[in-house]
Amino acid sequence: MCRRPSKCAAIEVKASRFLPPDGYFAITFFGKVLVRRKNMELWERDRASRAGKVMLHHEWIHVQQAVSTCNSWLFFYMAYIWYFLCGKPWKYGVKGAYYANPFELEAYINDDDLSYASGTSGTDGWRVFAKMEAEERVRVSKVFHA
């Protein structure tokens, strides 16, 4: 576990019993990528593929977002939960609020550009999405996840 997001030189994938929740493949947790044990075989098979690299890059973007939130996992996770709740899961569903989260919007929009967030100085593209109303973020997210 990286104590500070900026101290993560790379992230490793670990099997997890409980995370991520069902319906999700991976989750960034304090600088490690957790994949459900039942999905580890799929991860091992696909890790060298373009899809595997994109997934890992998506999670790396989250590490860089944590750098941009005061270089603090606590602030990153507090902001993440705040924006998830601002995404109105009671109105748009859990998946709708997840995809409308500014952190997820930035990560999904840029995850296939493997040069994006290639450094360790953080990313702040999520701040542009954070300024949008929840309804607008939901509309933007539907472009990527119809």
C-alpha atoms as a PDB file:
ATOM      1  CA  MET A   1       0.000   0.000   0.000  1.00  0.00           C
ATOM      2  CA  CYS A   2       1.281   3.458  -0.936  1.00  0.00           C
ATOM      3  CA  ARG A   3       0.977   5.843   1.990  1.00  0.00           C
ATOM      4  CA  ARG A   4       0.797   8.810  -0.374  1.00  0.00           C
ATOM      5  CA  PRO A   5      -0.546   8.576  -3.926  1.00  0.00           C
ATOM      6  CA  SER A   6       2.546  10.346  -5.288  1.00  0.00           C
ATOM      7  CA  LYS A   7       4.738   7.581  -3.874  1.00  0.00           C
ATOM      8  CA  CYS A   8       3.135   4.945  -6.106  1.00  0.00           C
ATOM      9  CA  ALA A   9       5.628   4.254  -8.877  1.00  0.00           C
ATOM     10  CA  ALA A  10       3.420   1.515 -10.307  1.00  0.00           C
ATOM     11  CA  ILE A  11       0.371  -0.365  -9.225  1.00  0.00           C
ATOM     12  CA  GLU A  12       0.020  -4.071  -8.803  1.00  0.00           C
ATOM     13  CA  VAL A  13      -3.040  -6.232  -9.199  1.00  0.00           C
ATOM     14  CA  LYS A  14      -4.124  -8.315  -6.227  1.00  0.00           C
ATOM     15  CA  ALA A  15      -6.895 -10.851  -5.788  1.00  0.00           C
ATOM     16  CA  SER A  16      -9.609  -9.824  -3.363  1.00  0.00           C
ATOM     17  CA  ARG A  17     -12.369 -11.719  -1.678  1.00  0.00           C
ATOM     18  CA  PHE A  18     -14.881  -8.846  -1.360  1.00  0.00           C
ATOM     19  CA  LEU A  19     -13.828  -5.993  -3.643  1.00  0.00           C
ATOM     20  CA  PRO A  20     -14.784  -4.736  -6.112  1.00  0.00           C
ATOM     21  CA  PRO A  21     -18.559  -5.020  -5.733  1.00  0.00           C
ATOM     22  CA  ASP A  22     -20.374  -7.336  -8.123  1.00  0.00           C
ATOM     23  CA  GLY A  23     -20.757  -5.786 -11.540  1.00  0.00           C
ATOM     24  CA  TYR A  24     -17.314  -4.142 -11.492  1.00  0.00           C
ATOM     25  CA  PHE A  25     -14.051  -5.717 -12.624  1.00  0.00           C
ATOM     26  CA  ALA A  26     -11.443  -3.760 -10.667  1.00  0.00           C
ATOM     27  CA  ILE A  27     -11.095  -1.082  -8.028  1.00  0.00           C
ATOM     28  CA  THR A  28      -8.177   1.091  -6.974  1.00  0.00           C
ATOM     29  CA  PHE A  29      -7.622   0.739  -3.257  1.00  0.00           C
ATOM     30  CA  PHE A  30      -4.757   2.746  -1.755  1.00  0.00           C
ATOM     31  CA  GLY A  31      -2.551   2.262  -4.803  1.00  0.00           C
ATOM     32  CA  LYS A  32      -3.351  -1.380  -5.453  1.00  0.00           C
ATOM     33  CA  VAL A  33      -5.782  -2.697  -8.019  1.00  0.00           C
ATOM     34  CA  LEU A  34      -8.121  -5.255  -6.532  1.00  0.00           C
ATOM     35  CA  VAL A  35      -9.820  -7.831  -8.726  1.00  0.00           C
ATOM     36  CA  ARG A  36     -12.256 -10.409  -7.393  1.00  0.00           C
ATOM     37  CA  ARG A  37     -10.671 -13.840  -7.018  1.00  0.00           C
ATOM     38  CA  LYS A  38     -13.198 -15.294  -9.442  1.00  0.00           C
ATOM     39  CA  ASN A  39     -11.949 -12.837 -12.122  1.00  0.00           C
ATOM     40  CA  MET A  40      -8.201 -13.327 -11.579  1.00  0.00           C
ATOM     41  CA  GLU A  41      -7.949 -15.986 -14.269  1.00  0.00           C
ATOM     42  CA  LEU A  42      -9.525 -13.579 -16.747  1.00  0.00           C
ATOM     43  CA  TRP A  43      -7.127 -10.845 -15.618  1.00  0.00           C
ATOM     44  CA  GLU A  44      -4.100 -13.145 -15.979  1.00  0.00           C
ATOM     45  CA  ARG A  45      -5.227 -14.086 -19.484  1.00  0.00           C
ATOM     46  CA  ASP A  46      -5.904 -10.502 -20.617  1.00  0.00           C
ATOM     47  CA  ARG A  47      -3.224  -8.511 -18.773  1.00  0.00           C
ATOM     48  CA  ALA A  48      -0.921  -8.214 -21.805  1.00  0.00           C
ATOM     49  CA  SER A  49      -3.776  -7.411 -24.194  1.00  0.00           C
ATOM     50  CA  ARG A  50      -4.896  -3.918 -25.129  1.00  0.00           C
ATOM     51  CA  ALA A  51      -7.979  -4.355 -22.890  1.00  0.00           C
ATOM     52  CA  GLY A  52      -5.787  -5.311 -19.935  1.00  0.00           C
ATOM     53  CA  LYS A  53      -3.531  -2.311 -20.462  1.00  0.00           C
ATOM     54  CA  VAL A  54      -6.543   0.007 -20.755  1.00  0.00           C
ATOM     55  CA  MET A  55      -8.027  -1.352 -17.512  1.00  0.00           C
ATOM     56  CA  LEU A  56      -4.754  -0.905 -15.664  1.00  0.00           C
ATOM     57  CA  HIS A  57      -4.351   2.604 -17.109  1.00  0.00           C
ATOM     58  CA  HIS A  58      -7.888   3.492 -15.989  1.00  0.00           C
ATOM     59  CA  GLU A  59      -6.907   2.552 -12.437  1.00  0.00           C
ATOM     60  CA  TRP A  60      -3.597   4.459 -12.764  1.00  0.00           C
ATOM     61  CA  ILE A  61      -5.598   7.563 -13.667  1.00  0.00           C
ATOM     62  CA  HIS A  62      -7.377   7.179 -10.308  1.00  0.00           C
ATOM     63  CA  VAL A  63      -3.989   7.095  -8.546  1.00  0.00           C
ATOM     64  CA  GLN A  64      -3.050  10.315 -10.336  1.00  0.00           C
ATOM     65  CA  GLN A  65      -6.409  11.850  -9.394  1.00  0.00           C
ATOM     66  CA  ALA A  66      -5.587  11.065  -5.766  1.00  0.00           C
ATOM     67  CA  VAL A  67      -2.334  12.997  -6.221  1.00  0.00           C
ATOM     68  CA  SER A  68      -4.404  15.970  -7.400  1.00  0.00           C
ATOM     69  CA  THR A  69      -6.618  15.817  -4.293  1.00  0.00           C
ATOM     70  CA  CYS A  70      -3.962  17.045  -1.867  1.00  0.00           C
ATOM     71  CA  ASN A  71      -1.905  13.890  -2.467  1.00  0.00           C
ATOM     72  CA  SER A  72      -4.178  12.154   0.026  1.00  0.00           C
ATOM     73  CA  TRP A  73      -6.094   8.903  -0.229  1.00  0.00           C
ATOM     74  CA  LEU A  74      -8.483  10.177   2.439  1.00  0.00           C
ATOM     75  CA  PHE A  75      -9.339  13.328   0.493  1.00  0.00           C
ATOM     76  CA  PHE A  76      -9.619  11.364  -2.751  1.00  0.00           C
ATOM     77  CA  TYR A  77     -12.040   8.811  -1.293  1.00  0.00           C
ATOM     78  CA  MET A  78     -14.056  11.489   0.507  1.00  0.00           C
ATOM     79  CA  ALA A  79     -14.368  13.475  -2.747  1.00  0.00           C
ATOM     80  CA  TYR A  80     -15.166  10.300  -4.677  1.00  0.00           C
ATOM     81  CA  ILE A  81     -18.017   9.415  -2.317  1.00  0.00           C
ATOM     82  CA  TRP A  82     -19.258  13.029  -2.332  1.00  0.00           C
ATOM     83  CA  TYR A  83     -19.426  13.134  -6.133  1.00  0.00           C
ATOM     84  CA  PHE A  84     -21.040   9.712  -6.228  1.00  0.00           C
ATOM     85  CA  LEU A  85     -23.790  11.001  -3.928  1.00  0.00           C
ATOM     86  CA  CYS A  86     -24.063  14.194  -6.007  1.00  0.00           C
ATOM     87  CA  GLY A  87     -24.717  11.863  -8.955  1.00  0.00           C
ATOM     88  CA  LYS A  88     -28.058  11.045  -7.307  1.00  0.00           C
ATOM     89  CA  PRO A  89     -27.960   7.239  -7.115  1.00  0.00           C
ATOM     90  CA  TRP A  90     -31.565   7.317  -5.856  1.00  0.00           C
ATOM     91  CA  LYS A  91     -32.580   8.968  -9.133  1.00  0.00           C
ATOM     92  CA  TYR A  92     -30.109   7.580 -11.706  1.00  0.00           C
ATOM     93  CA  GLY A  93     -29.253   4.274 -10.028  1.00  0.00           C
ATOM     94  CA  VAL A  94     -25.905   3.168  -8.641  1.00  0.00           C
ATOM     95  CA  LYS A  95     -24.395   2.656 -12.113  1.00  0.00           C
ATOM     96  CA  GLY A  96     -25.666   6.051 -13.294  1.00  0.00           C
ATOM     97  CA  ALA A  97     -24.114   7.812 -10.295  1.00  0.00           C
ATOM     98  CA  TYR A  98     -20.905   5.817 -10.752  1.00  0.00           C
ATOM     99  CA  TYR A  99     -20.496   6.761 -14.417  1.00  0.00           C
ATOM    100  CA  ALA A 100     -21.441  10.401 -13.710  1.00  0.00           C
ATOM    101  CA  ASN A 101     -18.732  10.705 -11.052  1.00  0.00           C
ATOM    102  CA  PRO A 102     -16.168  13.285 -12.276  1.00  0.00           C
ATOM    103  CA  PHE A 103     -13.308  10.913 -11.407  1.00  0.00           C
ATOM    104  CA  GLU A 104     -14.844   8.146 -13.510  1.00  0.00           C
ATOM    105  CA  LEU A 105     -15.655  10.503 -16.369  1.00  0.00           C
ATOM    106  CA  GLU A 106     -12.036  11.593 -16.640  1.00  0.00           C
ATOM    107  CA  ALA A 107     -10.779   8.024 -16.334  1.00  0.00           C
ATOM    108  CA  TYR A 108     -13.179   6.543 -18.904  1.00  0.00           C
ATOM    109  CA  ILE A 109     -12.656   9.348 -21.403  1.00  0.00           C
ATOM    110  CA  ASN A 110      -8.879   8.967 -21.233  1.00  0.00           C
ATOM    111  CA  ASP A 111      -8.255   5.335 -20.325  1.00  0.00           C
ATOM    112  CA  ASP A 112      -7.500   4.215 -23.879  1.00  0.00           C
ATOM    113  CA  ASP A 113      -4.925   7.007 -24.346  1.00  0.00           C
ATOM    114  CA  LEU A 114      -2.096   5.169 -22.634  1.00  0.00           C
ATOM    115  CA  SER A 115       0.079   8.301 -22.586  1.00  0.00           C
ATOM    116  CA  TYR A 116      -2.504  10.183 -20.507  1.00  0.00           C
ATOM    117  CA  ALA A 117      -1.479  10.363 -16.843  1.00  0.00           C
ATOM    118  CA  SER A 118       1.837   8.733 -17.688  1.00  0.00           C
ATOM    119  CA  GLY A 119       3.676  10.778 -15.076  1.00  0.00           C
ATOM    120  CA  THR A 120       3.308  11.070 -11.341  1.00  0.00           C
ATOM    121  CA  SER A 121       2.302  14.732 -11.082  1.00  0.00           C
ATOM    122  CA  GLY A 122      -1.440  14.093 -10.918  1.00  0.00           C
ATOM    123  CA  THR A 123      -4.383  14.821 -13.164  1.00  0.00           C
ATOM    124  CA  ASP A 124      -7.087  17.385 -12.710  1.00  0.00           C
ATOM    125  CA  GLY A 125      -9.379  16.891 -15.711  1.00  0.00           C
ATOM    126  CA  TRP A 126     -11.984  15.640 -13.260  1.00  0.00           C
ATOM    127  CA  ARG A 127     -12.344  19.214 -11.946  1.00  0.00           C
ATOM    128  CA  VAL A 128     -13.951  20.286 -15.246  1.00  0.00           C
ATOM    129  CA  PHE A 129     -16.625  17.612 -14.822  1.00  0.00           C
ATOM    130  CA  ALA A 130     -17.047  18.466 -11.129  1.00  0.00           C
ATOM    131  CA  LYS A 131     -18.241  21.952 -12.126  1.00  0.00           C
ATOM    132  CA  MET A 132     -21.105  20.460 -14.159  1.00  0.00           C
ATOM    133  CA  GLU A 133     -24.541  19.794 -12.729  1.00  0.00           C
ATOM    134  CA  ALA A 134     -25.280  16.129 -12.024  1.00  0.00           C
ATOM    135  CA  GLU A 135     -27.777  15.928 -14.878  1.00  0.00           C
ATOM    136  CA  GLU A 136     -25.172  17.186 -17.338  1.00  0.00           C
ATOM    137  CA  ARG A 137     -22.611  14.659 -16.080  1.00  0.00           C
ATOM    138  CA  VAL A 138     -25.184  11.890 -16.498  1.00  0.00           C
ATOM    139  CA  ARG A 139     -25.747  12.998 -20.112  1.00  0.00           C
ATOM    140  CA  VAL A 140     -22.002  13.053 -20.795  1.00  0.00           C
ATOM    141  CA  SER A 141     -21.511   9.630 -19.208  1.00  0.00           C
ATOM    142  CA  LYS A 142     -24.239   8.113 -21.412  1.00  0.00           C
ATOM    143  CA  VAL A 143     -22.109   8.874 -24.461  1.00  0.00           C
ATOM    144  CA  PHE A 144     -19.632   6.313 -23.128  1.00  0.00           C
ATOM    145  CA  HIS A 145     -22.002   3.913 -21.395  1.00  0.00           C
ATOM    146  CA  ALA A 146     -25.323   3.760 -23.172  1.00  0.00           C
END
